Amino acid sequence: MPTTDEPSKPTGSAEIASDEAGVPVIKLVGEIDLSNVDSVRATIDPTVLSEPERIVFDLSGLDFLDSSGLALLLFAAAKSGSVQLRNASEIVRRLIEVTGLADVLPMDP
C-alpha cells in the first residue's frame, strides 16, 4: 500500500503564446526549481534560442522560484533584446530585488 506521507516533487511548467504584436509570452506555472528547471528550459528553448527582440514572462501562475529558476530567466535575458516580467508575486518580486537583478529582469509595477 503506498504511503501518502512522502512529499510530492514540485511541478513546474511553461506555456508559450504570442501577444497581438507577435512578442513571445511565456507563462511560468507552479514551482520552478532544480528538480524541474531542465524540463522547463527544454520547453522554452526553441523560443529563447530564436533570439527574439523581446520576451515577456507571465508569472501569475508561479508559486515558487529558486536560483535555478532565476538562472533560467537570466539565460532568456541574455538571448533576447529585452525581458519583461509580469504579474510577479510579492515573494518573487522581492527575490529579484534582493539579488540585484531588477535592472536585468524588469518587472511591471
Protein backbone atom coordinates (compact mmCIF):
# COMPACT_ATOMS: atom_id res chain seq x y z
CA MET A 1 0.00 0.00 0.00
CA PRO A 2 1.55 3.36 -0.99
CA THR A 3 2.13 5.88 1.73
CA THR A 4 0.90 9.43 1.46
CA ASP A 5 3.48 10.79 3.89
CA GLU A 6 6.08 11.24 1.15
CA PRO A 7 6.18 14.78 -0.19
CA SER A 8 5.44 15.09 -3.86
CA LYS A 9 8.03 16.57 -6.17
CA PRO A 10 7.39 20.17 -7.13
CA THR A 11 5.90 20.59 -10.54
CA GLY A 12 6.57 23.43 -12.87
CA SER A 13 5.83 24.09 -16.47
CA ALA A 14 5.87 26.75 -19.16
CA GLU A 15 3.17 27.70 -21.62
CA ILE A 16 4.17 29.70 -24.69
CA ALA A 17 1.96 32.06 -26.66
CA SER A 18 2.39 35.35 -28.51
CA ASP A 19 0.70 38.66 -27.87
CA GLU A 20 -1.06 40.69 -30.58
CA ALA A 21 2.28 42.21 -31.63
CA GLY A 22 3.90 38.79 -32.03
CA VAL A 23 6.01 39.09 -28.86
CA PRO A 24 6.54 35.70 -27.19
CA VAL A 25 4.75 35.43 -23.85
CA ILE A 26 5.99 32.60 -21.65
CA LYS A 27 3.78 31.78 -18.69
CA LEU A 28 5.62 30.00 -15.89
CA VAL A 29 3.37 27.83 -13.75
CA GLY A 30 3.86 26.05 -10.43
CA GLU A 31 7.27 25.74 -8.84
CA ILE A 32 10.47 26.19 -10.87
CA ASP A 33 13.47 24.75 -9.08
CA LEU A 34 16.47 22.47 -9.56
CA SER A 35 14.25 19.38 -9.79
CA ASN A 36 12.41 20.56 -12.91
CA VAL A 37 14.24 23.51 -14.44
CA ASP A 38 15.72 21.33 -17.20
CA SER A 39 12.29 20.28 -18.47
CA VAL A 40 11.02 23.87 -18.31
CA ARG A 41 14.09 25.03 -20.20
CA ALA A 42 13.54 22.35 -22.85
CA THR A 43 10.06 23.79 -23.37
CA ILE A 44 11.18 27.40 -23.73
CA ASP A 45 14.49 26.82 -25.56
CA PRO A 46 13.06 26.97 -29.10
CA THR A 47 11.55 30.37 -28.35
CA VAL A 48 14.54 31.76 -26.44
CA LEU A 49 17.16 30.43 -28.85
CA SER A 50 15.41 32.15 -31.75
CA GLU A 51 16.74 35.32 -30.06
CA PRO A 52 13.57 37.42 -30.22
CA GLU A 53 13.83 41.16 -29.75
CA ARG A 54 11.66 40.89 -26.64
CA ILE A 55 10.26 38.17 -24.36
CA VAL A 56 7.53 38.61 -21.76
CA PHE A 57 7.32 36.24 -18.81
CA ASP A 58 3.90 36.00 -17.19
CA LEU A 59 4.50 34.91 -13.60
CA SER A 60 0.86 34.95 -12.46
CA GLY A 61 0.84 31.15 -12.12
CA LEU A 62 4.26 30.89 -10.48
CA ASP A 63 4.25 29.75 -6.85
CA PHE A 64 7.99 29.38 -6.24
CA LEU A 65 11.29 30.18 -7.95
CA ASP A 66 14.76 29.24 -6.73
CA SER A 67 18.21 30.23 -8.03
CA SER A 68 17.98 27.78 -10.93
CA GLY A 69 14.74 29.49 -11.98
CA LEU A 70 16.46 32.86 -11.76
CA ALA A 71 19.26 31.48 -13.93
CA LEU A 72 16.63 30.42 -16.48
CA LEU A 73 15.27 33.99 -16.61
CA LEU A 74 18.81 35.39 -16.94
CA PHE A 75 19.52 32.97 -19.79
CA ALA A 76 16.44 34.28 -21.61
CA ALA A 77 17.50 37.87 -20.95
CA ALA A 78 20.95 37.17 -22.42
CA LYS A 79 19.45 35.69 -25.60
CA SER A 80 16.86 38.39 -26.28
CA GLY A 81 16.88 42.13 -26.70
CA SER A 82 14.87 42.57 -23.52
CA VAL A 83 12.88 40.60 -20.98
CA GLN A 84 9.87 41.85 -19.08
CA LEU A 85 8.30 40.12 -16.08
CA ARG A 86 4.58 40.50 -15.49
CA ASN A 87 2.38 39.59 -12.54
CA ALA A 88 5.21 38.60 -10.17
CA SER A 89 4.09 37.63 -6.69
CA GLU A 90 5.46 39.65 -3.81
CA ILE A 91 7.94 36.89 -2.89
CA VAL A 92 9.28 36.56 -6.45
CA ARG A 93 9.45 40.35 -6.78
CA ARG A 94 11.42 40.55 -3.53
CA LEU A 95 13.79 37.76 -4.62
CA ILE A 96 14.63 39.61 -7.82
CA GLU A 97 15.12 42.90 -5.99
CA VAL A 98 17.28 41.42 -3.19
CA THR A 99 19.54 39.66 -5.68
CA GLY A 100 20.09 42.95 -7.52
CA LEU A 101 18.55 41.66 -10.75
CA ALA A 102 15.73 44.18 -11.12
CA ASP A 103 17.61 46.08 -13.87
CA VAL A 104 18.23 42.91 -15.89
CA LEU A 105 14.79 41.45 -15.17
CA PRO A 106 12.45 44.47 -15.13
CA MET A 107 9.02 43.90 -13.65
CA ASP A 108 5.74 45.58 -14.41
CA PRO A 109 4.60 47.58 -11.42
